[in-house]
């Protein structure tokens, strides 16, 4: 079987890649019968020369590959018919801007495997860049604190080489005494952010202590869904009940907002879940949050101050709760918002290494063991010019009916 690493063609350019040179070497060592090629690129974080030095063929012709791996959407005119493709297609939530792409995939008889659809039997994702979003998002949030307060100046994450360098910079800063940080979530994003807080030796405290005590040192609290949501009937059940019945819950987030300086949003927000805080909540006299690093970045959604995504080039904006509008983040009453929606792009080397490690462990074996765990079968979105049964819910979207 021939595998190919394709060049990223989407703008703005994305320097990440599914496999680094060292991971492709591991791939070859583990599966010596596989042929691996890399498409020539002057964009990706690893140079063509690094792949050549690792013993990997670099070429401009990928037409003889059976399976093609990319990160972002492949432009319609660059799709090679009758191939298996792996990339983030951004179609599984019926995103209107990629309807034509999915139609092109069907027209060209391509088997599409979206990275988001590569899951365990229980639906948990096997691969992703979430950890790196958390790492960079936390760093960018602290950078925003320094810029607003004019108390320290951190370089942009994209100018640094690795998580280690980000941590080195964070350990040079001084935060106000008693500064309280809230981190929400229990997945890869939240734990990526947690790695950074722990690396800064910021003390983690319990929810109860966070809500009821003041401190002379900087502290943080990791809060899960049942900490900031409560059942309307006051029953306390478990996380699964919340995921299954979000309509039975209401937000209990304001108790955190009253004592928090810096909020890092690392949670996953499911359809039908209560908003964490609304625009009305943010107007409340007791609402104390001054900085928001919204890694989840749901626009006009659960975090009221996130009214648009920001960019790597211009990552910070201000939100005035009284006027419900964007203002300069330096404005006196502004909540400072960092809501970059492609954070892992700022740490392309580490993110690519980590992604390749997950891919080699969880996906590549399926090509050589007859997909005994069903990883490929679950992930396959299209086959023989049609949607697979698992993704038939997209048919009206494909047809332009919704």
Protein backbone atom coordinates (compact mmCIF):
# COMPACT_ATOMS: atom_id res chain seq x y z
CA UNK A 1 0.00 0.00 0.00
CA UNK A 2 1.26 3.47 -0.90
CA UNK A 3 0.74 6.35 1.53
CA UNK A 4 1.27 10.02 0.71
CA UNK A 5 1.65 13.18 2.79
CA UNK A 6 0.10 15.98 0.76
CA UNK A 7 1.02 19.64 0.64
CA UNK A 8 -1.30 22.02 2.53
CA UNK A 9 -2.98 24.33 0.03
CA UNK A 10 -5.49 26.26 2.14
CA UNK A 11 -5.03 29.95 2.91
CA UNK A 12 -3.95 31.30 5.28
CA UNK A 13 -1.10 28.77 5.13
CA UNK A 14 -1.01 26.04 7.76
CA UNK A 15 2.47 24.75 8.57
CA UNK A 16 1.31 21.58 10.35
CA UNK A 17 1.61 18.10 8.87
CA UNK A 18 0.18 14.70 9.81
CA UNK A 19 3.62 13.08 10.13
CA UNK A 20 7.00 14.58 10.97
CA UNK A 21 10.13 13.03 9.39
CA UNK A 22 10.92 11.07 12.57
CA UNK A 23 7.36 9.67 12.76
CA UNK A 24 7.53 8.57 9.14
CA UNK A 25 10.76 6.73 9.97
CA UNK A 26 8.90 4.93 12.76
CA UNK A 27 6.07 4.19 10.33
CA UNK A 28 8.52 2.60 7.86
CA UNK A 29 10.24 0.59 10.58
CA UNK A 30 6.96 -0.77 11.93
CA UNK A 31 5.44 -1.50 8.51
CA UNK A 32 8.29 -2.22 6.09
CA UNK A 33 5.91 -3.28 3.30
CA UNK A 34 4.44 0.23 3.14
CA UNK A 35 5.59 2.77 0.56
CA UNK A 36 5.59 6.37 1.81
CA UNK A 37 5.93 9.56 -0.22
CA UNK A 38 5.83 13.25 0.75
CA UNK A 39 4.62 15.95 -1.60
CA UNK A 40 7.09 18.78 -2.05
CA UNK A 41 6.18 21.84 0.04
CA UNK A 42 7.78 25.14 1.02
CA UNK A 43 5.07 25.75 3.65
CA UNK A 44 5.24 22.99 6.24
CA UNK A 45 7.29 23.32 9.40
CA UNK A 46 9.58 20.45 8.37
CA UNK A 47 11.58 21.05 5.19
CA UNK A 48 11.73 18.72 2.19
CA UNK A 49 15.39 18.16 3.05
CA UNK A 50 14.48 16.86 6.51
CA UNK A 51 12.23 14.21 4.94
CA UNK A 52 14.90 13.27 2.41
CA UNK A 53 17.45 12.95 5.21
CA UNK A 54 15.03 10.61 6.99
CA UNK A 55 14.99 8.38 3.92
CA UNK A 56 11.55 9.46 2.70
CA UNK A 57 10.86 10.09 -1.00
CA UNK A 58 9.85 13.69 -1.78
CA UNK A 59 7.99 14.29 -5.04
CA UNK A 60 5.47 16.49 -6.82
CA UNK A 61 3.47 13.54 -8.18
CA UNK A 62 1.14 11.85 -5.68
CA UNK A 63 -1.07 10.14 -8.28
CA UNK A 64 0.20 6.62 -7.54
CA UNK A 65 -0.59 6.80 -3.80
CA UNK A 66 -3.56 4.85 -2.45
CA UNK A 67 -4.02 6.87 0.76
CA UNK A 68 -3.40 10.61 1.11
CA UNK A 69 -2.96 12.39 4.47
CA UNK A 70 -3.48 16.12 4.99
CA UNK A 71 -4.46 18.47 7.80
CA UNK A 72 -6.82 21.13 6.41
CA UNK A 73 -9.42 20.99 3.62
CA UNK A 74 -8.07 20.09 0.19
CA UNK A 75 -9.21 22.51 -2.55
CA UNK A 76 -11.66 20.88 -4.96
CA UNK A 77 -9.38 21.18 -7.99
CA UNK A 78 -6.50 19.54 -6.11
CA UNK A 79 -8.48 16.38 -5.22
CA UNK A 80 -7.26 13.28 -7.06
CA UNK A 81 -10.17 10.99 -8.04
CA UNK A 82 -10.58 7.45 -6.68
CA UNK A 83 -8.27 7.92 -3.66
CA UNK A 84 -8.63 7.56 0.08
CA UNK A 85 -8.21 10.96 1.79
CA UNK A 86 -7.73 11.87 5.43
CA UNK A 87 -8.13 15.54 6.44
CA UNK A 88 -10.32 17.90 8.46
CA UNK A 89 -13.17 18.47 6.00
CA UNK A 90 -15.31 20.64 8.31
CA UNK A 91 -18.49 19.12 6.90
CA UNK A 92 -19.83 16.83 9.64
CA UNK A 93 -21.72 19.72 11.27
CA UNK A 94 -23.16 20.72 7.88
CA UNK A 95 -20.91 23.76 7.53
CA UNK A 96 -22.38 25.63 4.51
CA UNK A 97 -19.01 26.86 3.25
CA UNK A 98 -17.81 23.30 2.58
CA UNK A 99 -20.92 21.81 0.93
CA UNK A 100 -19.30 22.15 -2.52
CA UNK A 101 -16.18 20.38 -1.24
CA UNK A 102 -18.18 17.37 -0.05
CA UNK A 103 -20.01 17.26 -3.38
CA UNK A 104 -16.67 17.29 -5.21
CA UNK A 105 -15.48 14.40 -3.03
CA UNK A 106 -18.58 12.40 -3.97
CA UNK A 107 -18.28 13.31 -7.67
CA UNK A 108 -14.64 12.18 -7.75
CA UNK A 109 -15.42 8.85 -6.06
CA UNK A 110 -13.14 9.63 -3.12
CA UNK A 111 -13.25 7.76 0.17
CA UNK A 112 -13.17 10.49 2.80
CA UNK A 113 -12.03 9.89 6.37
CA UNK A 114 -12.36 13.05 8.43
CA UNK A 115 -9.90 13.27 11.34
CA UNK A 116 -12.85 14.22 13.57
CA UNK A 117 -14.63 10.96 12.73
CA UNK A 118 -11.74 8.76 13.85
CA UNK A 119 -13.24 7.59 17.12
CA UNK A 120 -13.47 4.71 19.56
CA UNK A 121 -16.66 2.64 19.71
CA UNK A 122 -17.93 4.94 22.47
CA UNK A 123 -17.50 7.97 20.24
CA UNK A 124 -14.39 9.38 21.95
CA UNK A 125 -11.96 10.89 19.45
CA UNK A 126 -8.69 9.05 18.95
CA UNK A 127 -6.69 11.87 17.36
CA UNK A 128 -6.71 15.65 17.32
CA UNK A 129 -4.81 18.83 18.08
CA UNK A 130 -6.78 19.68 21.25
CA UNK A 131 -3.86 19.43 23.66
CA UNK A 132 -1.90 21.99 21.63
CA UNK A 133 -4.88 24.34 21.45
CA UNK A 134 -4.91 24.25 25.26
CA UNK A 135 -1.17 24.83 25.53
CA UNK A 136 -1.13 27.83 23.19
CA UNK A 137 -4.48 29.18 24.40
CA UNK A 138 -3.30 29.39 28.00
CA UNK A 139 -0.07 31.09 26.93
CA UNK A 140 -1.95 33.61 24.77
CA UNK A 141 -4.28 34.36 27.67
CA UNK A 142 -1.38 35.26 29.95
CA UNK A 143 0.11 37.35 27.15
CA UNK A 144 -3.17 39.30 27.04
CA UNK A 145 -2.98 39.93 30.80
CA UNK A 146 0.46 41.48 30.40
CA UNK A 147 -0.58 43.63 27.44
CA UNK A 148 -3.69 44.97 29.17
CA UNK A 149 -2.01 45.66 32.51
CA UNK A 150 1.25 46.76 30.89
CA UNK A 151 2.96 44.66 33.55
CA UNK A 152 4.96 42.27 31.36
CA UNK A 153 5.50 41.54 27.69
CA UNK A 154 5.45 38.00 26.28
CA UNK A 155 6.54 37.26 22.71
CA UNK A 156 3.93 35.85 20.35
CA UNK A 157 3.67 32.08 20.57
CA UNK A 158 4.22 31.71 16.83
CA UNK A 159 7.73 33.19 17.23
CA UNK A 160 8.72 30.43 19.67
CA UNK A 161 9.76 26.91 18.76
CA UNK A 162 8.18 24.60 21.31
CA UNK A 163 6.04 24.18 24.40
CA UNK A 164 9.26 24.25 26.42
CA UNK A 165 10.03 27.75 25.13
CA UNK A 166 6.50 28.93 25.93
CA UNK A 167 6.90 27.66 29.50
CA UNK A 168 10.29 29.35 29.84
CA UNK A 169 8.70 32.69 28.91
CA UNK A 170 5.75 32.21 31.27
CA UNK A 171 8.08 31.52 34.16
CA UNK A 172 9.59 35.00 33.77
CA UNK A 173 6.33 36.86 34.47
CA UNK A 174 4.84 38.19 37.70
CA UNK A 175 1.08 38.04 38.27
CA UNK A 176 -0.83 40.06 40.89
CA UNK A 177 -1.08 38.50 44.35
CA UNK A 178 -4.34 36.68 44.87
CA UNK A 179 -4.96 36.43 41.10
CA UNK A 180 -7.58 33.70 40.54
CA UNK A 181 -7.77 31.60 37.39
CA UNK A 182 -10.70 29.39 36.39
CA UNK A 183 -10.15 26.58 33.86
CA UNK A 184 -13.19 24.68 32.53
CA UNK A 185 -13.19 21.27 30.86
CA UNK A 186 -12.06 17.68 31.30
CA UNK A 187 -10.63 16.78 27.90
CA UNK A 188 -7.42 17.24 25.93
CA UNK A 189 -7.89 21.01 25.54
CA UNK A 190 -8.34 21.63 29.27
CA UNK A 191 -5.48 19.34 30.19
CA UNK A 192 -3.19 21.05 27.68
CA UNK A 193 -3.94 24.35 29.43
CA UNK A 194 -3.48 22.66 32.81
CA UNK A 195 0.02 21.55 31.77
CA UNK A 196 0.94 25.21 31.39
CA UNK A 197 -0.54 26.29 34.74
CA UNK A 198 1.25 23.43 36.48
CA UNK A 199 4.52 24.25 34.71
CA UNK A 200 4.22 27.78 36.14
CA UNK A 201 3.85 26.23 39.62
CA UNK A 202 0.47 27.89 40.07
CA UNK A 203 -1.33 26.22 42.95
CA UNK A 204 -4.43 24.20 42.08
CA UNK A 205 -7.21 24.42 44.65
CA UNK A 206 -10.60 22.76 45.08
CA UNK A 207 -13.84 24.25 43.80
CA UNK A 208 -15.02 24.87 47.37
CA UNK A 209 -11.84 26.69 48.37
CA UNK A 210 -11.85 28.69 45.13
CA UNK A 211 -15.38 29.89 45.73
CA UNK A 212 -15.08 30.61 49.45
CA UNK A 213 -11.52 31.74 50.20
CA UNK A 214 -9.11 34.50 49.27
CA UNK A 215 -5.41 33.84 48.73
CA UNK A 216 -2.14 35.76 48.85
CA UNK A 217 -0.76 33.69 45.98
CA UNK A 218 -1.91 33.01 42.42
CA UNK A 219 -4.26 30.02 42.32
CA UNK A 220 -6.36 28.12 39.80
CA UNK A 221 -9.34 25.82 39.85
CA UNK A 222 -10.26 23.14 37.31
CA UNK A 223 -14.06 23.01 37.02
CA UNK A 224 -16.12 20.33 35.27
CA UNK A 225 -19.66 20.55 33.89
CA UNK A 226 -21.41 19.71 37.17
CA UNK A 227 -19.47 22.45 38.94
CA UNK A 228 -20.90 25.20 36.74
CA UNK A 229 -24.26 23.62 35.86
CA UNK A 230 -26.99 22.32 38.16
CA UNK A 231 -30.17 20.35 37.55
CA UNK A 232 -33.30 22.46 37.69
CA UNK A 233 -34.84 19.93 40.11
CA UNK A 234 -31.72 20.15 42.35
CA UNK A 235 -30.86 16.46 41.89
CA UNK A 236 -27.15 15.64 41.73
CA UNK A 237 -26.58 12.75 39.34
CA UNK A 238 -23.48 12.50 37.09
CA UNK A 239 -21.79 13.92 33.99
CA UNK A 240 -23.51 11.43 31.70
CA UNK A 241 -26.90 12.66 32.85
CA UNK A 242 -25.84 16.19 31.89
CA UNK A 243 -24.64 15.05 28.45
CA UNK A 244 -27.85 13.08 27.88
CA UNK A 245 -30.28 15.67 29.29
CA UNK A 246 -28.74 19.14 28.99
CA UNK A 247 -32.21 20.72 28.86
CA UNK A 248 -32.74 19.64 32.49
CA UNK A 249 -29.86 21.88 33.63
CA UNK A 250 -29.20 25.57 34.14
CA UNK A 251 -25.96 27.45 34.50
CA UNK A 252 -24.44 27.90 37.93
CA UNK A 253 -21.43 29.75 36.53
CA UNK A 254 -22.07 33.13 38.14
CA UNK A 255 -20.73 31.87 41.47
CA UNK A 256 -17.36 31.48 39.69
CA UNK A 257 -17.66 34.76 37.78
CA UNK A 258 -17.92 36.64 41.08
CA UNK A 259 -14.45 35.52 42.21
CA UNK A 260 -12.50 34.98 38.96
CA UNK A 261 -9.94 37.30 37.36
CA UNK A 262 -8.94 35.15 34.37
CA UNK A 263 -11.17 32.54 32.74
CA UNK A 264 -9.69 29.87 30.44
CA UNK A 265 -12.52 28.17 28.52
CA UNK A 266 -11.29 24.69 27.70
CA UNK A 267 -14.64 22.89 27.80
CA UNK A 268 -16.56 21.23 24.99
CA UNK A 269 -19.98 22.82 24.53
CA UNK A 270 -22.71 20.42 23.41
CA UNK A 271 -25.93 21.31 21.60
CA UNK A 272 -28.68 22.22 24.03
CA UNK A 273 -26.36 22.85 26.98
CA UNK A 274 -26.91 25.99 29.08
CA UNK A 275 -24.70 28.99 28.29
CA UNK A 276 -21.99 29.51 30.91
CA UNK A 277 -22.63 33.22 31.11
CA UNK A 278 -24.94 35.43 29.09
CA UNK A 279 -24.65 39.05 28.05
CA UNK A 280 -26.96 39.93 30.93
CA UNK A 281 -24.73 38.03 33.37
CA UNK A 282 -21.71 40.01 32.16
CA UNK A 283 -23.52 43.27 32.99
CA UNK A 284 -23.98 42.21 36.63
CA UNK A 285 -22.17 44.38 39.18
CA UNK A 286 -20.64 41.29 40.80
CA UNK A 287 -19.26 39.88 37.53
CA UNK A 288 -15.48 40.07 38.08
CA UNK A 289 -13.90 38.30 35.07
CA UNK A 290 -11.49 40.67 33.31
CA UNK A 291 -9.68 38.25 30.99
CA UNK A 292 -11.07 35.42 28.86
CA UNK A 293 -8.98 32.93 26.89
CA UNK A 294 -11.75 31.19 24.97
CA UNK A 295 -10.04 28.15 23.47
CA UNK A 296 -13.41 26.55 22.69
CA UNK A 297 -14.34 29.64 20.63
CA UNK A 298 -18.09 29.17 20.12
CA UNK A 299 -19.23 32.45 18.61
CA UNK A 300 -22.24 34.23 20.18
CA UNK A 301 -22.64 31.21 22.40
CA UNK A 302 -21.84 29.97 25.90
CA UNK A 303 -19.21 32.62 26.65
CA UNK A 304 -20.99 35.91 26.00
CA UNK A 305 -17.83 37.97 25.50
CA UNK A 306 -16.77 35.83 22.50
CA UNK A 307 -18.52 37.75 19.75
CA UNK A 308 -16.09 36.79 16.99
CA UNK A 309 -13.00 34.65 16.49
CA UNK A 310 -9.69 36.47 16.64
CA UNK A 311 -6.61 35.72 14.56
CA UNK A 312 -3.01 34.74 15.13
CA UNK A 313 -2.02 38.10 13.64
CA UNK A 314 -4.43 40.04 15.88
CA UNK A 315 -5.36 37.72 18.76
CA UNK A 316 -6.96 40.07 21.31
CA UNK A 317 -10.00 42.31 21.39
CA UNK A 318 -12.12 44.00 24.04
CA UNK A 319 -15.77 43.37 24.92
CA UNK A 320 -17.82 46.05 26.65
CA UNK A 321 -20.50 44.24 28.66
CA UNK A 322 -22.73 47.30 28.98
CA UNK A 323 -22.92 48.04 25.26
CA UNK A 324 -22.51 44.37 24.25
CA UNK A 325 -20.02 45.47 21.62
CA UNK A 326 -16.37 45.18 20.66
CA UNK A 327 -14.04 47.89 21.96
CA UNK A 328 -10.31 48.42 22.24
CA UNK A 329 -9.02 45.88 24.78
CA UNK A 330 -7.19 48.70 26.55
CA UNK A 331 -10.52 50.42 27.34
CA UNK A 332 -11.17 50.78 31.04
CA UNK A 333 -14.27 48.59 31.29
CA UNK A 334 -13.36 46.05 28.60
CA UNK A 335 -13.25 42.32 29.17
CA UNK A 336 -10.10 41.24 27.34
CA UNK A 337 -10.88 38.38 24.94
CA UNK A 338 -8.46 35.96 23.27
CA UNK A 339 -10.47 33.76 20.89
CA UNK A 340 -8.07 32.49 18.21
CA UNK A 341 -9.77 29.54 16.52
CA UNK A 342 -6.66 27.87 15.05
CA UNK A 343 -4.32 27.91 18.03
CA UNK A 344 -2.31 24.73 17.23
CA UNK A 345 -1.02 26.49 14.09
CA UNK A 346 1.13 28.62 16.41
CA UNK A 347 3.03 25.56 17.62
CA UNK A 348 3.31 23.59 14.36
CA UNK A 349 6.33 21.46 15.21
CA UNK A 350 5.10 20.13 18.55
CA UNK A 351 1.54 19.80 17.24
CA UNK A 352 2.67 17.78 14.21
CA UNK A 353 4.85 15.48 16.30
CA UNK A 354 2.01 14.80 18.72
CA UNK A 355 -0.58 14.30 15.98
CA UNK A 356 1.66 11.84 14.13
CA UNK A 357 2.24 9.86 17.31
CA UNK A 358 -1.53 9.47 17.84
CA UNK A 359 -2.06 8.62 14.17
CA UNK A 360 0.65 5.97 14.13
CA UNK A 361 -0.72 4.39 17.29
CA UNK A 362 -4.45 4.53 16.56
CA UNK A 363 -5.01 4.62 12.79
CA UNK A 364 -2.15 3.13 10.79
CA UNK A 365 -2.44 -0.37 12.37
CA UNK A 366 -5.96 -0.64 10.92
CA UNK A 367 -4.49 -0.75 7.39
CA UNK A 368 -2.46 -3.81 8.32
CA UNK A 369 -4.78 -5.76 10.67
CA UNK A 370 -7.88 -5.78 8.48
CA UNK A 371 -9.34 -2.95 10.59
CA UNK A 372 -10.07 -5.40 13.40
CA UNK A 373 -11.21 -2.63 15.77
CA UNK A 374 -13.45 -0.92 13.20
CA UNK A 375 -11.54 2.38 13.30
CA UNK A 376 -11.62 2.90 9.52
CA UNK A 377 -15.17 1.59 9.14
CA UNK A 378 -16.47 4.11 11.69
CA UNK A 379 -14.51 6.99 10.17
CA UNK A 380 -15.39 6.44 6.49
CA UNK A 381 -17.76 9.19 5.35
CA UNK A 382 -18.02 8.46 1.63
CA UNK A 383 -17.68 5.39 -0.59
CA UNK A 384 -18.53 4.64 -4.23
CA UNK A 385 -19.73 8.19 -4.79
CA UNK A 386 -22.22 8.08 -1.90
CA UNK A 387 -22.38 8.88 1.80
CA UNK A 388 -21.89 5.86 4.05
CA UNK A 389 -24.79 4.78 6.26
CA UNK A 390 -23.21 6.34 9.36
CA UNK A 391 -23.11 9.74 7.61
CA UNK A 392 -26.36 9.53 5.66
CA UNK A 393 -27.68 12.35 7.87
CA UNK A 394 -25.66 14.69 5.62
CA UNK A 395 -27.69 13.89 2.48
CA UNK A 396 -30.02 16.92 2.71
CA UNK A 397 -26.97 19.09 3.36
CA UNK A 398 -25.24 17.66 0.26
CA UNK A 399 -28.40 18.26 -1.78
CA UNK A 400 -28.62 21.88 -0.63
CA UNK A 401 -31.89 21.35 1.22
CA UNK A 402 -30.44 22.49 4.56
